[in-house]
Amino acid sequence: MNFRKHSAPSLAPRNYQIYLTIVVFVTLLLTGYVCSVPADAAPYPYGEPEFTATIIGDNECEPGNMTLLSIKVANIAKTSEFVLDPINPVASNPGVAYGAILTLDSGNSPATIIHTGITIPVLPPSTDVTLVFPVIIPADAQAGNYTLDLQIHSQYADSVSIQGDATDIFHYKTKDITLQVPITIKAHIRIKIEKISTSHISPGQDGIIRANITNIGDYTGNHASAELITDALSPITPYQGSYYLGTFAIGETRTIEWRAAVASQIDATTLPATVIITYEDKYGNLTESQPLFVGIPVHTGPKFLLSYDQPPITPGGSATVRVTYTNIGDAPASDAIAKIVPVNPITSPQTGGLLGTIAPGESAVIEYDFYVSQKALVKPYGVLTDVKYRGEDESIYLSDPLKIELVTVQPGILAILLSPLALVIILGILLLIGYLFLKRMGRVA
């Protein structure tokens, strides 16, 4: 019996190449050298937490203010089927972030962050938490787009071992990541004030406050107004606290005037006030510049000091008193008229006198004739006087009341002897003596 030896079927060269290619591809696929996508293109790292940060709401920050930024931090890792401990799959999920410490830094922005790190104890996959960070933008910050750095330091379980009676011991790895949070610093008007000056800002007067205001910000405001604000108890009360500017361009300087009233009971000083610019922002909303504090000088205005001699006056007598009115203020008093108000027992034929225009430091003199009643007591008497004048604003004002003091004195022996009563008594005594003398001489019965 003949047996035929069968050899293995031969492969054609082309078929052999295809077969070899398939074998190599399957081998590489099984050994992990071939993937459908590159490893760095995977949306979530396998077995690790993955974080994102998103601002909730508006990310615009106003210069000179504190902005509360709401940032949603999410762990976008998917819950993996890979668990380290089948008995405790949640705790052993390597995608869970433990003890995550979040710290917000200024990044490339001029912002100041006024807080310490915030800790999130546990952040499982596919969960998020919203945190609020206070951010301060300096008043002189330039407008533009910036990024804040959100640093996240966390741990996750990467392995587990069993010791003794099935005791789980987890091993953790640290994950540090910095996420960039975009913010926008708004363009804004910022002002500089120079050459504060006043006219007629004196006690009891209505005057003008002037200031040169420059827009040193980076925004041109439409429908802008400059507003002067004083405290409710301030001695200065603006009548027209708002001055319309219209379009206030970058780098532009305007001279602003506000009209204000000054309380009468105030000395020369510098009073605080606040200036702000209101304007429309790019959205058409009314906004305000950062307030700028200024000092408003208050002048004394005309103020008078009296000096005079004090001649002694006896009851029933008279005296001429030379009174000097000196303007010790810092503004002239025009068309000044002095007035006196004598009160019984003091009288005078005069009611006052013309002083004219008295500049600061100058004086004017008036002589008053005063008469003292016979019934006056020996003591000082006061005569009130004041000055009516025209101020710098051409209005009529009245000075504070002043006092001329007259001192009465006891009359001397001669004055007593020459008084009418004394003369009558002396005459009566003389007549009595003459009568007695004549009677003794027998010349009268």
Protein backbone atom coordinates (compact mmCIF):
# COMPACT_ATOMS: atom_id res chain seq x y z
CA MET A 1 0.00 0.00 0.00
CA ASN A 2 1.45 3.28 -0.98
CA PHE A 3 1.14 6.18 1.28
CA ARG A 4 1.39 9.79 -0.03
CA LYS A 5 3.13 12.22 2.13
CA HIS A 6 1.23 15.48 2.46
CA SER A 7 3.18 18.61 3.06
CA ALA A 8 1.74 21.70 4.66
CA PRO A 9 0.09 24.03 2.23
CA SER A 10 2.38 26.77 1.13
CA LEU A 11 1.42 30.39 1.42
CA ALA A 12 1.78 32.76 -1.40
CA PRO A 13 4.20 35.60 -0.66
CA ARG A 14 1.44 38.22 -0.67
CA ASN A 15 -0.80 36.25 1.67
CA TYR A 16 2.11 35.61 3.98
CA GLN A 17 2.81 39.35 4.34
CA ILE A 18 -0.80 40.08 5.22
CA TYR A 19 -0.78 37.29 7.79
CA LEU A 20 2.42 38.53 9.37
CA THR A 21 1.09 42.08 9.59
CA ILE A 22 -2.05 40.90 11.39
CA VAL A 23 -0.01 38.86 13.87
CA VAL A 24 2.30 41.78 14.65
CA PHE A 25 -0.61 44.21 15.08
CA VAL A 26 -2.46 41.87 17.45
CA THR A 27 0.74 41.29 19.40
CA LEU A 28 1.40 45.03 19.76
CA LEU A 29 -2.20 45.68 20.69
CA LEU A 30 -2.08 43.05 23.42
CA THR A 31 1.20 44.33 24.77
CA GLY A 32 -0.13 47.93 24.94
CA TYR A 33 2.09 49.46 22.28
CA VAL A 34 -0.77 50.34 19.93
CA CYS A 35 -3.73 52.48 21.08
CA SER A 36 -6.57 54.00 19.22
CA VAL A 37 -5.55 57.45 20.57
CA PRO A 38 -2.32 58.72 22.09
CA ALA A 39 -2.14 58.46 25.88
CA ASP A 40 -1.84 62.23 26.33
CA ALA A 41 -5.02 62.73 24.32
CA ALA A 42 -7.17 60.77 26.76
CA PRO A 43 -9.79 63.08 28.28
CA TYR A 44 -9.24 61.80 31.84
CA PRO A 45 -6.09 60.29 33.27
CA TYR A 46 -6.79 56.72 34.22
CA GLY A 47 -7.01 56.27 37.95
CA GLU A 48 -6.43 59.93 38.97
CA PRO A 49 -8.64 62.93 39.81
CA GLU A 50 -8.82 65.61 37.12
CA PHE A 51 -9.81 69.22 37.92
CA THR A 52 -11.35 72.16 36.10
CA ALA A 53 -12.11 75.68 37.35
CA THR A 54 -14.86 77.92 35.98
CA ILE A 55 -15.98 81.37 37.11
CA ILE A 56 -19.69 81.52 37.89
CA GLY A 57 -21.23 84.80 36.76
CA ASP A 58 -19.32 87.94 35.78
CA ASN A 59 -15.52 87.77 35.70
CA GLU A 60 -15.12 91.56 35.40
CA CYS A 61 -13.40 93.27 38.31
CA GLU A 62 -13.74 96.96 39.18
CA PRO A 63 -10.47 98.78 39.97
CA GLY A 64 -10.33 100.10 43.51
CA ASN A 65 -12.95 97.66 44.77
CA MET A 66 -13.12 94.19 46.22
CA THR A 67 -14.77 91.63 43.94
CA LEU A 68 -16.12 88.32 45.22
CA LEU A 69 -15.24 85.76 42.54
CA SER A 70 -17.34 82.60 42.57
CA ILE A 71 -15.25 79.75 41.14
CA LYS A 72 -16.70 76.29 40.49
CA VAL A 73 -14.04 73.61 40.97
CA ALA A 74 -14.99 70.22 39.48
CA ASN A 75 -13.42 66.76 39.55
CA ILE A 76 -14.19 65.65 36.02
CA ALA A 77 -12.58 62.24 36.34
CA LYS A 78 -15.06 59.49 35.57
CA THR A 79 -15.82 56.81 38.10
CA SER A 80 -13.53 54.04 36.92
CA GLU A 81 -14.34 50.35 36.95
CA PHE A 82 -10.88 49.90 38.32
CA VAL A 83 -11.08 49.72 42.10
CA LEU A 84 -8.33 48.89 44.52
CA ASP A 85 -10.53 47.06 47.01
CA PRO A 86 -13.69 45.31 45.76
CA ILE A 87 -15.08 45.28 49.30
CA ASN A 88 -14.81 49.07 49.54
CA PRO A 89 -15.05 50.29 45.93
CA VAL A 90 -15.88 53.93 46.66
CA ALA A 91 -13.04 54.61 49.08
CA SER A 92 -10.59 52.74 46.93
CA ASN A 93 -11.54 54.53 43.72
CA PRO A 94 -8.33 56.24 42.59
CA GLY A 95 -10.35 59.04 40.98
CA VAL A 96 -11.42 60.46 44.37
CA ALA A 97 -9.48 63.54 45.51
CA TYR A 98 -8.75 63.66 49.24
CA GLY A 99 -7.77 66.72 51.29
CA ALA A 100 -7.65 69.06 48.29
CA ILE A 101 -6.13 72.44 49.27
CA LEU A 102 -7.06 75.26 46.88
CA THR A 103 -5.00 78.45 46.87
CA LEU A 104 -5.73 81.39 44.58
CA ASP A 105 -2.76 83.54 43.54
CA SER A 106 -2.62 86.76 41.54
CA GLY A 107 -1.03 85.11 38.48
CA ASN A 108 -0.14 87.75 35.91
CA SER A 109 -2.72 90.22 37.27
CA PRO A 110 -2.20 93.14 39.69
CA ALA A 111 -4.86 91.67 41.99
CA THR A 112 -4.42 91.11 45.71
CA ILE A 113 -5.93 87.94 47.16
CA ILE A 114 -6.81 88.35 50.84
CA HIS A 115 -7.23 84.79 52.07
CA THR A 116 -5.44 81.54 52.83
CA GLY A 117 -5.93 78.15 51.22
CA ILE A 118 -9.36 76.48 51.27
CA THR A 119 -9.54 72.75 52.00
CA ILE A 120 -12.05 70.36 50.43
CA PRO A 121 -11.99 67.09 52.41
CA VAL A 122 -13.35 64.80 49.65
CA LEU A 123 -14.16 65.49 46.01
CA PRO A 124 -15.37 62.34 44.22
CA PRO A 125 -15.38 62.03 40.42
CA SER A 126 -18.09 63.88 38.50
CA THR A 127 -18.74 66.28 41.38
CA ASP A 128 -18.05 69.98 41.88
CA VAL A 129 -18.01 72.63 44.58
CA THR A 130 -18.36 76.42 44.30
CA LEU A 131 -15.97 78.57 46.32
CA VAL A 132 -15.90 82.35 46.81
CA PHE A 133 -12.58 84.20 46.73
CA PRO A 134 -12.30 87.92 47.62
CA VAL A 135 -10.12 89.72 45.08
CA ILE A 136 -8.97 93.34 45.40
CA ILE A 137 -7.98 95.27 42.28
CA PRO A 138 -5.82 98.39 42.86
CA ALA A 139 -7.39 101.70 41.87
CA ASP A 140 -4.59 102.39 39.37
CA ALA A 141 -4.75 98.96 37.70
CA GLN A 142 -4.70 99.00 33.90
CA ALA A 143 -7.68 97.56 32.08
CA GLY A 144 -7.23 94.27 30.28
CA ASN A 145 -7.50 90.50 30.42
CA TYR A 146 -5.52 88.64 33.06
CA THR A 147 -5.36 85.20 34.63
CA LEU A 148 -5.34 84.16 38.26
CA ASP A 149 -3.56 80.95 39.28
CA LEU A 150 -5.63 78.40 41.18
CA GLN A 151 -3.26 75.92 42.77
CA ILE A 152 -4.75 72.56 43.79
CA HIS A 153 -2.83 70.18 46.04
CA SER A 154 -4.61 66.84 46.59
CA GLN A 155 -4.05 63.14 47.22
CA TYR A 156 -5.58 59.99 45.75
CA ALA A 157 -5.27 56.27 46.43
CA ASP A 158 -3.10 54.43 43.93
CA SER A 159 -2.67 51.03 45.63
CA VAL A 160 -3.86 48.93 48.54
CA SER A 161 -2.31 46.10 50.47
CA ILE A 162 -3.76 43.64 52.93
CA GLN A 163 -1.97 42.81 56.13
CA GLY A 164 -2.94 40.50 58.89
CA ASP A 165 -6.62 39.76 59.12
CA ALA A 166 -7.64 41.45 55.89
CA THR A 167 -6.61 44.91 57.05
CA ASP A 168 -6.55 47.37 54.15
CA ILE A 169 -3.58 49.69 53.96
CA PHE A 170 -3.95 52.34 51.26
CA HIS A 171 -1.04 54.04 49.61
CA TYR A 172 -1.63 57.61 48.37
CA LYS A 173 0.00 59.76 45.75
CA THR A 174 0.10 63.53 45.59
CA LYS A 175 -1.30 65.48 42.68
CA ASP A 176 -0.39 69.16 42.22
CA ILE A 177 -1.94 71.18 39.45
CA THR A 178 -2.28 74.89 38.63
CA LEU A 179 -5.35 76.05 36.75
CA GLN A 180 -5.63 79.46 35.15
CA VAL A 181 -8.75 81.46 35.90
CA PRO A 182 -9.37 84.31 33.44
CA ILE A 183 -10.55 87.71 34.72
CA THR A 184 -11.09 91.09 33.09
CA ILE A 185 -10.20 94.40 34.75
CA LYS A 186 -12.66 97.02 33.57
CA ALA A 187 -11.54 100.24 31.96
CA HIS A 188 -12.46 103.10 34.25
CA ILE A 189 -12.18 106.81 34.93
CA ARG A 190 -9.67 107.73 37.62
CA ILE A 191 -9.22 111.35 38.62
CA LYS A 192 -6.49 113.64 39.86
CA ILE A 193 -7.38 116.99 41.43
CA GLU A 194 -5.11 119.99 41.44
CA LYS A 195 -5.37 123.67 42.40
CA ILE A 196 -8.24 123.65 44.86
CA SER A 197 -9.25 127.30 45.33
CA THR A 198 -12.19 129.13 46.85
CA SER A 199 -13.91 132.50 46.61
CA HIS A 200 -16.04 133.90 49.45
CA ILE A 201 -15.84 130.62 51.36
CA SER A 202 -15.95 132.44 54.69
CA PRO A 203 -18.21 132.20 57.74
CA GLY A 204 -21.81 132.99 56.88
CA GLN A 205 -21.14 133.55 53.16
CA ASP A 206 -22.06 131.86 49.90
CA GLY A 207 -19.00 131.12 47.81
CA ILE A 208 -17.41 129.21 44.97
CA ILE A 209 -15.16 126.12 45.17
CA ARG A 210 -12.96 125.52 42.13
CA ALA A 211 -10.82 122.54 41.17
CA ASN A 212 -8.90 121.29 38.14
CA ILE A 213 -9.85 117.65 37.54
CA THR A 214 -7.91 115.38 35.17
CA ASN A 215 -9.05 111.97 33.89
CA ILE A 216 -5.92 109.85 34.46
CA GLY A 217 -7.81 106.59 33.89
CA ASP A 218 -8.11 104.50 30.74
CA TYR A 219 -11.74 105.12 29.82
CA THR A 220 -13.64 107.98 28.19
CA GLY A 221 -16.92 108.39 30.04
CA ASN A 222 -20.11 109.68 28.46
CA HIS A 223 -22.66 111.84 30.30
CA ALA A 224 -20.13 112.39 33.05
CA SER A 225 -20.73 114.62 36.08
CA ALA A 226 -18.38 115.77 38.82
CA GLU A 227 -20.00 115.65 42.25
CA LEU A 228 -18.82 117.33 45.46
CA ILE A 229 -19.99 115.55 48.60
CA THR A 230 -19.65 116.79 52.17
CA ASP A 231 -20.64 115.21 55.46
CA ALA A 232 -24.17 115.87 56.69
CA LEU A 233 -22.76 117.79 59.67
CA SER A 234 -20.18 119.70 57.65
CA PRO A 235 -20.24 123.53 57.91
CA ILE A 236 -20.06 123.59 54.09
CA THR A 237 -23.26 122.79 52.18
CA PRO A 238 -23.02 122.59 48.37
CA TYR A 239 -25.94 124.21 46.57
CA GLN A 240 -24.91 122.74 43.23
CA GLY A 241 -23.00 119.62 44.19
CA SER A 242 -23.08 118.15 40.68
CA TYR A 243 -21.32 119.73 37.70
CA TYR A 244 -22.12 118.27 34.26
CA LEU A 245 -19.09 117.40 32.14
CA GLY A 246 -20.59 115.53 29.20
CA THR A 247 -17.85 113.46 27.56
CA PHE A 248 -14.81 113.21 29.81
CA ALA A 249 -11.95 111.94 27.67
CA ILE A 250 -8.78 110.14 28.75
CA GLY A 251 -6.14 112.67 29.81
CA GLU A 252 -8.57 115.60 29.68
CA THR A 253 -8.48 118.33 32.35
CA ARG A 254 -11.55 120.35 33.30
CA THR A 255 -12.00 123.31 35.64
CA ILE A 256 -15.00 122.63 37.84
CA GLU A 257 -16.97 125.07 39.99
CA TRP A 258 -19.37 124.27 42.81
CA ARG A 259 -21.43 126.84 44.72
CA ALA A 260 -21.73 126.30 48.46
CA ALA A 261 -22.88 127.96 51.68
CA VAL A 262 -20.71 128.25 54.78
CA ALA A 263 -22.01 128.20 58.34
CA SER A 264 -21.56 131.41 60.29
CA GLN A 265 -19.97 129.86 63.37
CA ILE A 266 -16.68 128.57 61.99
CA ASP A 267 -13.06 129.61 62.10
CA ALA A 268 -10.51 129.51 59.31
CA THR A 269 -9.75 125.86 58.62
CA THR A 270 -9.61 123.16 55.93
CA LEU A 271 -12.68 120.95 55.73
CA PRO A 272 -12.83 117.46 54.17
CA ALA A 273 -14.96 116.65 51.13
CA THR A 274 -15.20 113.90 48.51
CA VAL A 275 -15.22 114.20 44.72
CA ILE A 276 -16.53 111.44 42.46
CA ILE A 277 -17.23 111.22 38.74
CA THR A 278 -20.42 109.50 37.61
CA TYR A 279 -20.50 108.29 34.02
CA GLU A 280 -21.84 105.63 31.66
CA ASP A 281 -19.73 102.49 31.24
CA LYS A 282 -19.47 100.49 28.02
CA TYR A 283 -22.77 98.76 28.79
CA GLY A 284 -24.60 102.04 29.29
CA ASN A 285 -24.83 101.52 33.04
CA LEU A 286 -24.25 104.45 35.39
CA THR A 287 -21.06 103.89 37.36
CA GLU A 288 -18.84 105.92 39.67
CA SER A 289 -15.14 106.58 39.88
CA GLN A 290 -13.29 105.86 43.07
CA PRO A 291 -13.92 108.73 45.54
CA LEU A 292 -11.08 111.19 45.92
CA PHE A 293 -10.76 113.03 49.24
CA VAL A 294 -9.89 116.73 49.13
CA GLY A 295 -9.55 119.57 51.60
CA ILE A 296 -11.55 122.76 51.11
CA PRO A 297 -9.92 125.87 52.61
CA VAL A 298 -12.26 128.06 54.61
CA HIS A 299 -11.15 131.66 55.04
CA THR A 300 -11.82 133.86 58.04
CA GLY A 301 -13.32 136.66 55.98
CA PRO A 302 -13.51 140.15 57.54
CA LYS A 303 -13.18 139.94 61.31
CA PHE A 304 -12.87 142.85 63.70
CA LEU A 305 -10.99 143.53 66.90
CA LEU A 306 -11.64 146.60 69.10
CA SER A 307 -9.15 148.72 70.95
CA TYR A 308 -10.05 151.92 72.84
CA ASP A 309 -9.05 154.15 75.72
CA GLN A 310 -11.00 154.13 78.97
CA PRO A 311 -11.29 157.64 80.40
CA PRO A 312 -12.88 157.72 83.85
CA ILE A 313 -16.49 158.84 83.89
CA THR A 314 -18.29 159.93 87.01
CA PRO A 315 -22.03 159.51 87.39
CA GLY A 316 -23.60 162.51 85.78
CA GLY A 317 -20.49 163.13 83.72
CA SER A 318 -19.41 162.50 80.11
CA ALA A 319 -16.36 161.34 78.16
CA THR A 320 -15.12 161.03 74.59
CA VAL A 321 -13.90 157.52 73.78
CA ARG A 322 -11.62 156.89 70.79
CA VAL A 323 -12.47 153.42 69.34
CA THR A 324 -10.26 151.66 66.78
CA TYR A 325 -11.78 148.92 64.55
CA THR A 326 -9.07 146.60 63.14
CA ASN A 327 -9.77 144.00 60.45
CA ILE A 328 -7.90 140.90 61.66
CA GLY A 329 -9.50 138.68 59.02
CA ASP A 330 -8.17 137.63 55.61
CA ALA A 331 -10.62 139.49 53.35
CA PRO A 332 -11.50 143.18 52.94
CA ALA A 333 -14.66 144.73 54.35
CA SER A 334 -16.08 147.25 51.90
CA ASP A 335 -18.37 150.17 52.75
CA ALA A 336 -18.10 149.31 56.44
CA ILE A 337 -20.35 151.15 58.90
CA ALA A 338 -20.02 150.87 62.68
CA LYS A 339 -23.06 150.98 64.96
CA ILE A 340 -23.30 151.42 68.72
CA VAL A 341 -26.14 150.48 71.08
CA PRO A 342 -25.89 152.38 74.40
CA VAL A 343 -28.08 151.12 77.21
CA ASN A 344 -29.34 153.20 80.15
CA PRO A 345 -27.67 154.81 82.10
CA ILE A 346 -25.27 155.35 79.16
CA THR A 347 -26.40 157.63 76.31
CA SER A 348 -24.78 159.06 73.23
CA PRO A 349 -25.85 161.52 70.56
CA GLN A 350 -24.29 159.21 67.96
CA THR A 351 -25.56 155.92 66.57
CA GLY A 352 -22.38 154.92 64.77
CA GLY A 353 -19.97 156.08 62.11
CA LEU A 354 -18.56 155.41 58.66
CA LEU A 355 -15.44 153.21 58.51
CA GLY A 356 -15.10 152.88 54.72
CA THR A 357 -13.18 149.97 53.17
CA ILE A 358 -10.89 148.18 55.61
CA ALA A 359 -8.39 145.75 54.12
CA PRO A 360 -6.94 142.86 56.18
CA GLY A 361 -4.63 144.31 58.83
CA GLU A 362 -5.97 147.87 58.43
CA SER A 363 -7.87 149.94 60.98
CA ALA A 364 -10.40 152.77 61.15
CA VAL A 365 -11.10 155.10 64.10
CA ILE A 366 -14.33 156.66 65.40
CA GLU A 367 -14.73 158.93 68.44
CA TYR A 368 -17.90 158.47 70.48
CA ASP A 369 -19.28 160.92 73.07
CA PHE A 370 -20.88 159.10 75.99
CA TYR A 371 -22.95 160.55 78.85
CA VAL A 372 -23.56 158.84 82.16
CA SER A 373 -26.72 159.42 84.15
CA GLN A 374 -26.47 160.95 87.62
CA LYS A 375 -28.16 157.82 88.93
CA ALA A 376 -25.49 155.51 87.55
CA LEU A 377 -23.72 153.22 89.96
CA VAL A 378 -19.98 153.05 90.23
CA LYS A 379 -19.25 149.99 88.12
CA PRO A 380 -18.33 149.01 84.52
CA TYR A 381 -20.96 149.47 81.82
CA GLY A 382 -20.88 147.90 78.35
CA VAL A 383 -21.86 149.49 75.06
CA LEU A 384 -22.46 147.01 72.22
CA THR A 385 -21.09 147.73 68.76
CA ASP A 386 -20.87 145.85 65.46
CA VAL A 387 -19.84 146.48 61.86
CA LYS A 388 -22.02 146.16 58.78
CA TYR A 389 -20.01 145.65 55.59
CA ARG A 390 -20.13 144.42 52.01
CA GLY A 391 -18.32 141.11 51.41
CA GLU A 392 -16.38 139.90 48.39
CA ASP A 393 -19.57 138.53 46.88
CA GLU A 394 -21.15 142.04 47.18
CA SER A 395 -23.62 140.80 49.77
CA ILE A 396 -24.18 142.67 53.06
CA TYR A 397 -22.91 141.01 56.25
CA LEU A 398 -22.84 141.86 59.93
CA SER A 399 -19.83 141.22 62.13
CA ASP A 400 -19.93 139.48 65.47
CA PRO A 401 -21.08 141.79 68.31
CA LEU A 402 -18.28 143.62 70.11
CA LYS A 403 -18.29 145.56 73.38
CA ILE A 404 -16.94 148.93 74.50
CA GLU A 405 -16.54 148.98 78.26
CA LEU A 406 -17.04 152.24 80.21
CA VAL A 407 -15.97 152.42 83.84
CA THR A 408 -17.64 154.91 86.20
CA VAL A 409 -15.67 156.18 89.22
CA GLN A 410 -16.42 157.90 92.52
CA PRO A 411 -16.40 161.68 92.11
CA GLY A 412 -13.58 163.61 93.91
CA ILE A 413 -14.09 166.23 96.71
CA LEU A 414 -14.15 169.08 94.24
CA ALA A 415 -16.66 167.24 92.07
CA ILE A 416 -18.82 166.62 95.12
CA LEU A 417 -18.64 170.25 96.20
CA LEU A 418 -19.49 171.45 92.73
CA SER A 419 -22.43 169.11 92.30
CA PRO A 420 -25.87 170.85 92.24
CA LEU A 421 -27.02 169.19 95.46
CA ALA A 422 -23.86 170.18 97.26
CA LEU A 423 -24.21 173.75 96.04
CA VAL A 424 -27.80 173.94 97.30
CA ILE A 425 -26.77 172.59 100.69
CA ILE A 426 -23.82 174.98 100.93
CA LEU A 427 -26.03 177.90 99.92
CA GLY A 428 -28.58 176.92 102.57
CA ILE A 429 -25.88 176.73 105.24
CA LEU A 430 -24.54 180.12 104.25
CA LEU A 431 -27.99 181.66 104.41
CA LEU A 432 -28.60 180.17 107.83
CA ILE A 433 -25.29 181.43 109.13
CA GLY A 434 -26.02 184.94 107.74
CA TYR A 435 -29.47 184.97 109.35
CA LEU A 436 -28.07 183.98 112.75
CA PHE A 437 -25.35 186.58 112.50
CA LEU A 438 -27.79 189.38 111.64
CA LYS A 439 -30.13 188.35 114.43
CA ARG A 440 -27.34 188.50 116.96
CA MET A 441 -26.43 191.94 115.79
CA GLY A 442 -30.03 192.96 116.37
CA ARG A 443 -30.64 193.80 112.84
CA VAL A 444 -33.43 191.29 112.44
CA ALA A 445 -36.19 190.45 114.88
